[in-house]
N, C-alpha and C. Protein backbone atom coordinates (compact mmCIF):
# COMPACT_ATOMS: atom_id res chain seq x y z
N MET A 1 13.58 -55.24 4.09
CA MET A 1 13.72 -54.66 2.78
C MET A 1 14.63 -53.43 2.89
N GLU A 2 15.59 -53.32 1.97
CA GLU A 2 16.52 -52.19 1.94
C GLU A 2 15.93 -51.02 1.19
N THR A 3 16.30 -49.83 1.62
CA THR A 3 15.89 -48.65 0.87
C THR A 3 16.92 -48.35 -0.20
N ASN A 4 16.43 -48.01 -1.32
CA ASN A 4 17.28 -47.67 -2.45
C ASN A 4 17.71 -46.20 -2.31
N PRO A 5 18.98 -45.92 -2.16
CA PRO A 5 19.41 -44.52 -2.00
C PRO A 5 19.25 -43.71 -3.28
N TYR A 6 19.05 -44.39 -4.39
CA TYR A 6 18.92 -43.69 -5.67
C TYR A 6 17.46 -43.51 -6.09
N ALA A 7 16.53 -44.00 -5.29
CA ALA A 7 15.10 -43.88 -5.62
C ALA A 7 14.66 -42.43 -5.43
N PRO A 8 13.71 -41.99 -6.26
CA PRO A 8 13.20 -40.62 -6.09
C PRO A 8 12.42 -40.50 -4.78
N PRO A 9 12.34 -39.33 -4.22
CA PRO A 9 11.59 -39.18 -2.97
C PRO A 9 10.12 -39.51 -3.18
N GLN A 10 9.50 -40.08 -2.17
CA GLN A 10 8.09 -40.45 -2.25
C GLN A 10 7.16 -39.25 -2.09
N VAL A 11 7.59 -38.27 -1.31
CA VAL A 11 6.80 -37.07 -1.08
C VAL A 11 7.66 -35.88 -1.47
N ALA A 12 7.15 -35.09 -2.38
CA ALA A 12 7.90 -33.90 -2.80
C ALA A 12 7.65 -32.79 -1.80
N GLU A 13 8.72 -32.18 -1.34
CA GLU A 13 8.61 -31.07 -0.41
C GLU A 13 9.19 -29.83 -1.07
N LEU A 14 8.56 -28.71 -0.78
CA LEU A 14 9.04 -27.44 -1.31
C LEU A 14 10.17 -26.95 -0.42
N SER A 15 11.32 -26.81 -1.01
CA SER A 15 12.46 -26.32 -0.27
C SER A 15 12.66 -24.85 -0.62
N SER A 16 11.97 -24.00 0.10
CA SER A 16 12.02 -22.58 -0.23
C SER A 16 13.19 -21.88 0.43
N GLY A 17 13.72 -22.46 1.50
CA GLY A 17 14.81 -21.81 2.20
C GLY A 17 14.32 -20.62 3.01
N ARG A 18 13.03 -20.49 3.19
CA ARG A 18 12.45 -19.36 3.91
C ARG A 18 11.72 -19.89 5.13
N ALA A 19 12.37 -19.79 6.25
CA ALA A 19 11.82 -20.33 7.49
C ALA A 19 10.53 -19.60 7.87
N GLY A 20 9.57 -20.35 8.36
CA GLY A 20 8.33 -19.77 8.85
C GLY A 20 7.31 -19.42 7.78
N MET A 21 7.59 -19.72 6.52
CA MET A 21 6.65 -19.41 5.44
C MET A 21 5.87 -20.64 5.06
N SER A 22 4.62 -20.41 4.71
CA SER A 22 3.82 -21.52 4.20
C SER A 22 4.27 -21.81 2.77
N GLU A 23 3.86 -22.97 2.28
CA GLU A 23 4.22 -23.33 0.90
C GLU A 23 3.61 -22.34 -0.09
N ALA A 24 2.37 -21.92 0.17
CA ALA A 24 1.71 -20.96 -0.73
C ALA A 24 2.47 -19.64 -0.75
N GLU A 25 2.89 -19.17 0.41
CA GLU A 25 3.62 -17.90 0.45
C GLU A 25 4.97 -18.00 -0.25
N ALA A 26 5.65 -19.13 -0.09
CA ALA A 26 6.94 -19.31 -0.76
C ALA A 26 6.77 -19.32 -2.28
N ILE A 27 5.72 -20.00 -2.76
CA ILE A 27 5.47 -20.02 -4.20
C ILE A 27 5.13 -18.62 -4.69
N ARG A 28 4.29 -17.91 -3.95
CA ARG A 28 3.90 -16.55 -4.36
C ARG A 28 5.11 -15.64 -4.42
N ARG A 29 5.96 -15.70 -3.40
CA ARG A 29 7.15 -14.84 -3.39
C ARG A 29 8.10 -15.18 -4.54
N ASP A 30 8.17 -16.45 -4.90
CA ASP A 30 9.03 -16.85 -6.02
C ASP A 30 8.49 -16.38 -7.37
N HIS A 31 7.19 -16.07 -7.44
CA HIS A 31 6.57 -15.66 -8.69
C HIS A 31 6.13 -14.20 -8.71
N LEU A 32 6.46 -13.45 -7.67
CA LEU A 32 5.99 -12.07 -7.55
C LEU A 32 6.44 -11.18 -8.70
N GLN A 33 7.70 -11.29 -9.08
CA GLN A 33 8.22 -10.40 -10.11
C GLN A 33 7.51 -10.63 -11.44
N ILE A 34 7.30 -11.86 -11.80
CA ILE A 34 6.63 -12.16 -13.07
C ILE A 34 5.16 -11.75 -12.99
N GLU A 35 4.54 -11.96 -11.84
CA GLU A 35 3.14 -11.54 -11.65
C GLU A 35 3.01 -10.03 -11.83
N ALA A 36 3.90 -9.28 -11.22
CA ALA A 36 3.86 -7.82 -11.32
C ALA A 36 4.09 -7.36 -12.76
N THR A 37 5.01 -8.00 -13.45
CA THR A 37 5.30 -7.62 -14.83
C THR A 37 4.11 -7.89 -15.74
N ILE A 38 3.45 -9.01 -15.54
CA ILE A 38 2.28 -9.35 -16.36
C ILE A 38 1.15 -8.35 -16.10
N LYS A 39 0.94 -8.00 -14.85
CA LYS A 39 -0.10 -7.01 -14.53
C LYS A 39 0.26 -5.64 -15.10
N THR A 40 1.53 -5.29 -15.09
CA THR A 40 1.97 -4.03 -15.69
C THR A 40 1.73 -4.06 -17.20
N ALA A 41 1.98 -5.19 -17.82
CA ALA A 41 1.71 -5.33 -19.26
C ALA A 41 0.22 -5.11 -19.53
N GLY A 42 -0.63 -5.57 -18.63
CA GLY A 42 -2.06 -5.33 -18.76
C GLY A 42 -2.39 -3.85 -18.72
N THR A 43 -1.73 -3.13 -17.82
CA THR A 43 -1.93 -1.68 -17.74
C THR A 43 -1.48 -1.00 -19.03
N LEU A 44 -0.36 -1.45 -19.58
CA LEU A 44 0.13 -0.90 -20.85
C LEU A 44 -0.86 -1.17 -21.98
N HIS A 45 -1.53 -2.31 -21.94
CA HIS A 45 -2.55 -2.61 -22.94
C HIS A 45 -3.74 -1.66 -22.78
N TYR A 46 -4.07 -1.29 -21.54
CA TYR A 46 -5.12 -0.29 -21.32
C TYR A 46 -4.74 1.04 -21.97
N ILE A 47 -3.48 1.42 -21.82
CA ILE A 47 -3.01 2.66 -22.44
C ILE A 47 -3.13 2.57 -23.96
N GLY A 48 -2.75 1.41 -24.52
CA GLY A 48 -2.91 1.18 -25.96
C GLY A 48 -4.36 1.25 -26.38
N MET A 49 -5.25 0.75 -25.53
CA MET A 49 -6.68 0.81 -25.82
C MET A 49 -7.14 2.26 -25.94
N VAL A 50 -6.70 3.09 -25.01
CA VAL A 50 -7.10 4.50 -25.03
C VAL A 50 -6.54 5.19 -26.27
N LEU A 51 -5.26 4.95 -26.57
CA LEU A 51 -4.63 5.59 -27.73
C LEU A 51 -5.26 5.15 -29.05
N PHE A 52 -5.35 3.83 -29.25
CA PHE A 52 -5.93 3.32 -30.50
C PHE A 52 -7.41 3.63 -30.59
N GLY A 53 -8.13 3.49 -29.48
CA GLY A 53 -9.56 3.78 -29.48
C GLY A 53 -9.83 5.25 -29.76
N GLY A 54 -9.06 6.14 -29.13
CA GLY A 54 -9.25 7.57 -29.36
C GLY A 54 -8.94 7.95 -30.79
N LEU A 55 -7.85 7.44 -31.31
CA LEU A 55 -7.49 7.71 -32.70
C LEU A 55 -8.54 7.14 -33.65
N GLY A 56 -9.03 5.95 -33.33
CA GLY A 56 -10.06 5.33 -34.16
C GLY A 56 -11.34 6.14 -34.18
N LEU A 57 -11.73 6.67 -33.03
CA LEU A 57 -12.94 7.51 -32.97
C LEU A 57 -12.79 8.77 -33.81
N VAL A 58 -11.62 9.41 -33.72
CA VAL A 58 -11.37 10.62 -34.50
C VAL A 58 -11.41 10.30 -35.99
N MET A 59 -10.72 9.22 -36.38
CA MET A 59 -10.67 8.85 -37.79
C MET A 59 -12.05 8.47 -38.31
N PHE A 60 -12.81 7.73 -37.50
CA PHE A 60 -14.15 7.31 -37.92
C PHE A 60 -15.09 8.50 -38.02
N ALA A 61 -14.97 9.46 -37.10
CA ALA A 61 -15.82 10.65 -37.12
C ALA A 61 -15.56 11.49 -38.37
N GLU A 62 -14.35 11.42 -38.88
CA GLU A 62 -14.01 12.17 -40.09
C GLU A 62 -14.33 11.37 -41.35
N GLY A 63 -15.01 10.25 -41.19
CA GLY A 63 -15.44 9.47 -42.34
C GLY A 63 -14.44 8.43 -42.81
N GLY A 64 -13.41 8.18 -42.03
CA GLY A 64 -12.40 7.21 -42.42
C GLY A 64 -12.76 5.80 -41.98
N ALA A 65 -12.84 4.89 -42.93
CA ALA A 65 -13.14 3.49 -42.61
C ALA A 65 -12.01 2.85 -41.81
N LEU A 66 -10.80 3.41 -41.93
CA LEU A 66 -9.66 2.88 -41.18
C LEU A 66 -9.86 3.07 -39.68
N GLY A 67 -10.72 4.01 -39.33
CA GLY A 67 -11.03 4.25 -37.93
C GLY A 67 -11.62 3.03 -37.25
N LEU A 68 -12.42 2.25 -38.01
CA LEU A 68 -13.00 1.02 -37.46
C LEU A 68 -11.91 0.01 -37.09
N ALA A 69 -10.89 -0.06 -37.93
CA ALA A 69 -9.78 -0.98 -37.64
C ALA A 69 -9.07 -0.55 -36.35
N PHE A 70 -8.85 0.74 -36.19
CA PHE A 70 -8.21 1.24 -34.97
C PHE A 70 -9.09 0.98 -33.75
N LEU A 71 -10.40 1.15 -33.90
CA LEU A 71 -11.32 0.85 -32.80
C LEU A 71 -11.26 -0.63 -32.43
N LEU A 72 -11.16 -1.49 -33.43
CA LEU A 72 -11.07 -2.93 -33.18
C LEU A 72 -9.77 -3.27 -32.45
N VAL A 73 -8.67 -2.68 -32.88
CA VAL A 73 -7.39 -2.91 -32.21
C VAL A 73 -7.46 -2.41 -30.77
N GLY A 74 -8.02 -1.21 -30.58
CA GLY A 74 -8.15 -0.65 -29.24
C GLY A 74 -9.00 -1.52 -28.34
N SER A 75 -10.12 -2.02 -28.86
CA SER A 75 -11.00 -2.90 -28.09
C SER A 75 -10.28 -4.19 -27.70
N THR A 76 -9.57 -4.76 -28.66
CA THR A 76 -8.82 -6.00 -28.40
C THR A 76 -7.78 -5.77 -27.32
N MET A 77 -7.07 -4.65 -27.41
CA MET A 77 -6.06 -4.36 -26.39
C MET A 77 -6.70 -4.17 -25.01
N GLY A 78 -7.89 -3.60 -24.97
CA GLY A 78 -8.59 -3.44 -23.69
C GLY A 78 -8.96 -4.77 -23.08
N ILE A 79 -9.47 -5.68 -23.91
CA ILE A 79 -9.86 -7.01 -23.42
C ILE A 79 -8.63 -7.78 -22.95
N VAL A 80 -7.57 -7.75 -23.74
CA VAL A 80 -6.34 -8.45 -23.36
C VAL A 80 -5.75 -7.82 -22.10
N GLY A 81 -5.79 -6.50 -22.01
CA GLY A 81 -5.29 -5.82 -20.82
C GLY A 81 -6.03 -6.24 -19.57
N TYR A 82 -7.34 -6.32 -19.67
CA TYR A 82 -8.16 -6.77 -18.53
C TYR A 82 -7.77 -8.18 -18.11
N ASP A 83 -7.67 -9.06 -19.11
CA ASP A 83 -7.32 -10.46 -18.81
C ASP A 83 -5.91 -10.59 -18.23
N LEU A 84 -4.97 -9.77 -18.70
CA LEU A 84 -3.63 -9.81 -18.13
C LEU A 84 -3.65 -9.32 -16.68
N ARG A 85 -4.37 -8.24 -16.42
CA ARG A 85 -4.45 -7.70 -15.06
C ARG A 85 -5.05 -8.72 -14.10
N HIS A 86 -5.95 -9.57 -14.62
CA HIS A 86 -6.59 -10.58 -13.78
C HIS A 86 -5.96 -11.97 -13.93
N LEU A 87 -4.83 -12.02 -14.62
CA LEU A 87 -4.06 -13.26 -14.81
C LEU A 87 -4.90 -14.39 -15.40
N ASN A 88 -5.77 -14.04 -16.35
CA ASN A 88 -6.58 -15.05 -17.04
C ASN A 88 -5.74 -15.71 -18.13
N ALA A 89 -5.75 -17.02 -18.13
CA ALA A 89 -4.89 -17.79 -19.03
C ALA A 89 -5.14 -17.48 -20.51
N GLY A 90 -6.37 -17.13 -20.86
CA GLY A 90 -6.70 -16.85 -22.25
C GLY A 90 -6.00 -15.62 -22.81
N ALA A 91 -5.41 -14.81 -21.96
CA ALA A 91 -4.75 -13.58 -22.42
C ALA A 91 -3.33 -13.81 -22.90
N ARG A 92 -2.75 -14.93 -22.55
CA ARG A 92 -1.33 -15.14 -22.82
C ARG A 92 -1.00 -15.11 -24.31
N TRP A 93 -1.71 -15.89 -25.10
CA TRP A 93 -1.39 -15.94 -26.54
C TRP A 93 -1.73 -14.65 -27.27
N PRO A 94 -2.90 -14.04 -27.03
CA PRO A 94 -3.14 -12.74 -27.68
C PRO A 94 -2.10 -11.69 -27.28
N ALA A 95 -1.68 -11.71 -26.02
CA ALA A 95 -0.66 -10.75 -25.58
C ALA A 95 0.67 -11.02 -26.27
N LEU A 96 1.00 -12.29 -26.49
CA LEU A 96 2.22 -12.63 -27.21
C LEU A 96 2.16 -12.10 -28.65
N ILE A 97 1.01 -12.23 -29.28
CA ILE A 97 0.85 -11.74 -30.66
C ILE A 97 0.95 -10.22 -30.71
N ILE A 98 0.23 -9.54 -29.81
CA ILE A 98 0.26 -8.08 -29.79
C ILE A 98 1.66 -7.58 -29.50
N SER A 99 2.35 -8.21 -28.55
CA SER A 99 3.71 -7.77 -28.22
C SER A 99 4.69 -8.06 -29.35
N SER A 100 4.46 -9.13 -30.09
CA SER A 100 5.32 -9.41 -31.25
C SER A 100 5.18 -8.31 -32.30
N ILE A 101 3.96 -7.86 -32.53
CA ILE A 101 3.74 -6.75 -33.46
C ILE A 101 4.33 -5.46 -32.90
N GLY A 102 4.21 -5.28 -31.58
CA GLY A 102 4.73 -4.09 -30.92
C GLY A 102 6.24 -3.96 -31.00
N LEU A 103 6.93 -5.05 -31.29
CA LEU A 103 8.39 -4.99 -31.45
C LEU A 103 8.79 -4.06 -32.61
N LEU A 104 7.87 -3.85 -33.55
CA LEU A 104 8.16 -3.02 -34.72
C LEU A 104 8.17 -1.53 -34.41
N ILE A 105 7.65 -1.15 -33.24
CA ILE A 105 7.60 0.27 -32.86
C ILE A 105 8.94 0.63 -32.21
N PHE A 106 9.91 0.93 -33.06
CA PHE A 106 11.29 1.17 -32.62
C PHE A 106 11.43 2.58 -32.09
N PRO A 107 12.19 2.83 -31.06
CA PRO A 107 12.93 1.94 -30.18
C PRO A 107 12.17 1.59 -28.90
N VAL A 108 11.25 2.47 -28.47
CA VAL A 108 10.59 2.25 -27.18
C VAL A 108 9.72 1.00 -27.21
N GLY A 109 8.93 0.84 -28.26
CA GLY A 109 8.07 -0.34 -28.36
C GLY A 109 8.87 -1.62 -28.42
N THR A 110 10.02 -1.56 -29.05
CA THR A 110 10.88 -2.75 -29.14
C THR A 110 11.35 -3.17 -27.75
N ILE A 111 11.77 -2.20 -26.96
CA ILE A 111 12.27 -2.51 -25.62
C ILE A 111 11.15 -3.03 -24.73
N ILE A 112 10.06 -2.29 -24.66
CA ILE A 112 8.95 -2.67 -23.77
C ILE A 112 8.34 -4.00 -24.18
N ASN A 113 8.06 -4.16 -25.46
CA ASN A 113 7.45 -5.41 -25.92
C ASN A 113 8.41 -6.59 -25.84
N GLY A 114 9.70 -6.32 -25.98
CA GLY A 114 10.69 -7.39 -25.78
C GLY A 114 10.66 -7.90 -24.35
N VAL A 115 10.56 -6.98 -23.39
CA VAL A 115 10.47 -7.37 -21.97
C VAL A 115 9.18 -8.14 -21.73
N ILE A 116 8.07 -7.66 -22.29
CA ILE A 116 6.79 -8.36 -22.12
C ILE A 116 6.87 -9.76 -22.69
N LEU A 117 7.41 -9.90 -23.91
CA LEU A 117 7.53 -11.22 -24.53
C LEU A 117 8.38 -12.17 -23.69
N ALA A 118 9.52 -11.67 -23.22
CA ALA A 118 10.41 -12.52 -22.42
C ALA A 118 9.70 -13.00 -21.17
N ASN A 119 8.92 -12.14 -20.56
CA ASN A 119 8.22 -12.52 -19.34
C ASN A 119 7.02 -13.43 -19.60
N LEU A 120 6.31 -13.21 -20.70
CA LEU A 120 5.18 -14.09 -21.01
C LEU A 120 5.62 -15.49 -21.41
N MET A 121 6.83 -15.61 -21.96
CA MET A 121 7.34 -16.92 -22.37
C MET A 121 8.11 -17.62 -21.24
N ASN A 122 8.30 -16.95 -20.14
CA ASN A 122 9.00 -17.48 -18.99
C ASN A 122 8.21 -18.66 -18.40
N ALA A 123 8.91 -19.66 -17.89
CA ALA A 123 8.24 -20.83 -17.31
C ALA A 123 7.37 -20.43 -16.12
N LYS A 124 7.79 -19.43 -15.37
CA LYS A 124 6.99 -18.99 -14.21
C LYS A 124 5.67 -18.37 -14.66
N ALA A 125 5.63 -17.79 -15.85
CA ALA A 125 4.39 -17.19 -16.35
C ALA A 125 3.31 -18.25 -16.53
N ARG A 126 3.71 -19.44 -16.95
CA ARG A 126 2.73 -20.52 -17.11
C ARG A 126 2.07 -20.83 -15.76
N THR A 127 2.87 -20.79 -14.70
CA THR A 127 2.34 -21.04 -13.36
C THR A 127 1.40 -19.92 -12.94
N VAL A 128 1.79 -18.68 -13.20
CA VAL A 128 1.00 -17.52 -12.78
C VAL A 128 -0.38 -17.51 -13.43
N PHE A 129 -0.51 -18.08 -14.62
CA PHE A 129 -1.79 -18.10 -15.33
C PHE A 129 -2.68 -19.29 -14.95
N THR A 130 -2.27 -20.13 -14.01
CA THR A 130 -3.08 -21.30 -13.64
C THR A 130 -4.11 -20.95 -12.58
N SER A 131 -5.14 -21.78 -12.48
CA SER A 131 -6.16 -21.57 -11.44
C SER A 131 -5.58 -21.85 -10.05
N ASP A 132 -4.60 -22.76 -9.98
CA ASP A 132 -3.95 -23.03 -8.69
C ASP A 132 -3.25 -21.78 -8.15
N TYR A 133 -2.68 -20.98 -9.04
CA TYR A 133 -1.99 -19.77 -8.60
C TYR A 133 -2.99 -18.74 -8.07
N LYS A 134 -4.19 -18.71 -8.63
CA LYS A 134 -5.22 -17.81 -8.12
C LYS A 134 -5.60 -18.18 -6.69
N VAL A 135 -5.59 -19.48 -6.39
CA VAL A 135 -5.85 -19.94 -5.03
C VAL A 135 -4.71 -19.46 -4.12
N ILE A 136 -3.49 -19.53 -4.62
CA ILE A 136 -2.33 -19.07 -3.85
C ILE A 136 -2.44 -17.57 -3.57
N ILE A 137 -2.86 -16.80 -4.56
CA ILE A 137 -3.03 -15.35 -4.37
C ILE A 137 -4.08 -15.09 -3.29
N ALA A 138 -5.19 -15.81 -3.35
CA ALA A 138 -6.24 -15.64 -2.34
C ALA A 138 -5.75 -16.00 -0.94
N ALA A 139 -4.84 -16.98 -0.88
CA ALA A 139 -4.32 -17.42 0.43
C ALA A 139 -3.21 -16.51 0.97
N THR A 140 -2.68 -15.63 0.12
CA THR A 140 -1.56 -14.77 0.54
C THR A 140 -1.84 -13.30 0.23
N PRO A 141 -2.93 -12.74 0.77
CA PRO A 141 -3.23 -11.34 0.47
C PRO A 141 -2.22 -10.36 1.05
N HIS A 142 -1.46 -10.81 2.04
CA HIS A 142 -0.46 -9.94 2.70
C HIS A 142 0.82 -9.79 1.88
N VAL A 143 0.97 -10.59 0.84
CA VAL A 143 2.17 -10.52 0.01
C VAL A 143 1.90 -9.53 -1.12
N ASP A 144 2.72 -8.48 -1.19
CA ASP A 144 2.53 -7.44 -2.20
C ASP A 144 3.75 -7.41 -3.10
N HIS A 145 3.51 -7.18 -4.39
CA HIS A 145 4.61 -7.21 -5.34
C HIS A 145 5.25 -5.85 -5.60
N GLY A 146 4.57 -4.77 -5.30
CA GLY A 146 5.14 -3.45 -5.58
C GLY A 146 5.27 -3.22 -7.07
N LEU A 147 6.21 -2.39 -7.46
CA LEU A 147 6.42 -2.09 -8.88
C LEU A 147 7.32 -3.14 -9.53
N SER A 148 6.96 -3.53 -10.73
CA SER A 148 7.80 -4.47 -11.47
C SER A 148 8.91 -3.72 -12.19
N ARG A 149 9.88 -4.45 -12.66
CA ARG A 149 10.96 -3.84 -13.45
C ARG A 149 10.40 -3.20 -14.72
N LEU A 150 9.39 -3.85 -15.31
CA LEU A 150 8.76 -3.30 -16.51
C LEU A 150 8.09 -1.96 -16.21
N ALA A 151 7.43 -1.87 -15.06
CA ALA A 151 6.78 -0.61 -14.69
C ALA A 151 7.81 0.49 -14.52
N ILE A 152 8.90 0.18 -13.87
CA ILE A 152 9.96 1.18 -13.67
C ILE A 152 10.57 1.59 -15.00
N LEU A 153 10.86 0.61 -15.86
CA LEU A 153 11.41 0.90 -17.19
C LEU A 153 10.45 1.76 -18.00
N THR A 154 9.18 1.42 -17.96
CA THR A 154 8.17 2.18 -18.69
C THR A 154 8.08 3.62 -18.17
N LEU A 155 8.06 3.77 -16.86
CA LEU A 155 8.00 5.12 -16.28
C LEU A 155 9.20 5.95 -16.69
N VAL A 156 10.38 5.34 -16.68
CA VAL A 156 11.59 6.06 -17.08
C VAL A 156 11.51 6.45 -18.56
N LEU A 157 11.12 5.52 -19.43
CA LEU A 157 11.04 5.82 -20.86
C LEU A 157 9.99 6.88 -21.17
N VAL A 158 8.82 6.77 -20.54
CA VAL A 158 7.77 7.77 -20.77
C VAL A 158 8.23 9.12 -20.24
N GLY A 159 8.89 9.12 -19.09
CA GLY A 159 9.44 10.37 -18.54
C GLY A 159 10.43 11.01 -19.49
N LEU A 160 11.31 10.21 -20.05
CA LEU A 160 12.29 10.74 -21.01
C LEU A 160 11.61 11.29 -22.26
N ILE A 161 10.60 10.60 -22.74
CA ILE A 161 9.87 11.07 -23.93
C ILE A 161 9.18 12.40 -23.63
N VAL A 162 8.57 12.52 -22.47
CA VAL A 162 7.90 13.77 -22.10
C VAL A 162 8.93 14.90 -21.99
N ILE A 163 10.06 14.62 -21.37
CA ILE A 163 11.11 15.64 -21.23
C ILE A 163 11.58 16.10 -22.61
N VAL A 164 11.83 15.16 -23.50
CA VAL A 164 12.29 15.51 -24.85
C VAL A 164 11.19 16.27 -25.59
N ALA A 165 9.94 15.82 -25.46
CA ALA A 165 8.82 16.47 -26.15
C ALA A 165 8.64 17.91 -25.69
N VAL A 166 8.97 18.19 -24.44
CA VAL A 166 8.85 19.56 -23.93
C VAL A 166 10.13 20.34 -24.20
N ALA A 167 11.28 19.71 -23.99
CA ALA A 167 12.56 20.42 -24.08
C ALA A 167 12.92 20.82 -25.51
N VAL A 168 12.68 19.96 -26.47
CA VAL A 168 13.08 20.25 -27.85
C VAL A 168 12.34 21.47 -28.40
N PRO A 169 11.00 21.53 -28.32
CA PRO A 169 10.33 22.74 -28.81
C PRO A 169 10.75 24.00 -28.05
N LEU A 170 10.96 23.87 -26.75
CA LEU A 170 11.40 25.01 -25.96
C LEU A 170 12.78 25.48 -26.41
N PHE A 171 13.67 24.53 -26.63
CA PHE A 171 15.02 24.87 -27.09
C PHE A 171 14.96 25.54 -28.46
N LEU A 172 14.15 25.00 -29.37
CA LEU A 172 14.02 25.59 -30.70
C LEU A 172 13.42 26.99 -30.63
N ARG A 173 12.47 27.19 -29.75
CA ARG A 173 11.85 28.52 -29.61
C ARG A 173 12.89 29.51 -29.09
N LEU A 174 13.74 29.07 -28.15
CA LEU A 174 14.77 29.97 -27.61
C LEU A 174 15.82 30.29 -28.66
N GLN A 175 16.11 29.34 -29.52
CA GLN A 175 17.11 29.55 -30.57
C GLN A 175 16.61 30.56 -31.62
N MET A 176 15.32 30.59 -31.87
CA MET A 176 14.74 31.48 -32.87
C MET A 176 14.57 32.91 -32.32
N SER A 177 14.59 33.06 -31.01
CA SER A 177 14.40 34.40 -30.41
C SER A 177 15.62 35.26 -30.53
């Protein structure tokens, strides 16, 4: 019997191009950037939880019914943040919805939430949210992702906001003296 040169391979092999690596390690390294970005998005949701929750508590304490809405948003962001940090598949769609709304917070929210949306809709993100990927993470504890591009971008933007928030009032105070 002749072999068909056009037939698909019978056994799929991972061609990582990385000598000496296991298949799990090659997959993990190929998905590290998206994994780090998703976990960073979870941390940002924690920050949103603190901001919305704190504002909600203040508003509710002053008798504002709107405070309950802020508390609900803060709680939701905390739950979604936890699930993103732990790469739970159920967090993907709520995070997409929250980030879509976050696009309206121009300009910083637009940039950050745009990056989050792009990464959550990425094909690799679907892999990162699977139970098989959690097995890969457990099998490759020595592989570390470091800071994601989103984390670096966020740190730079927050740093710039803090600098402006401090510099502008200081400049105005010096001008009035």
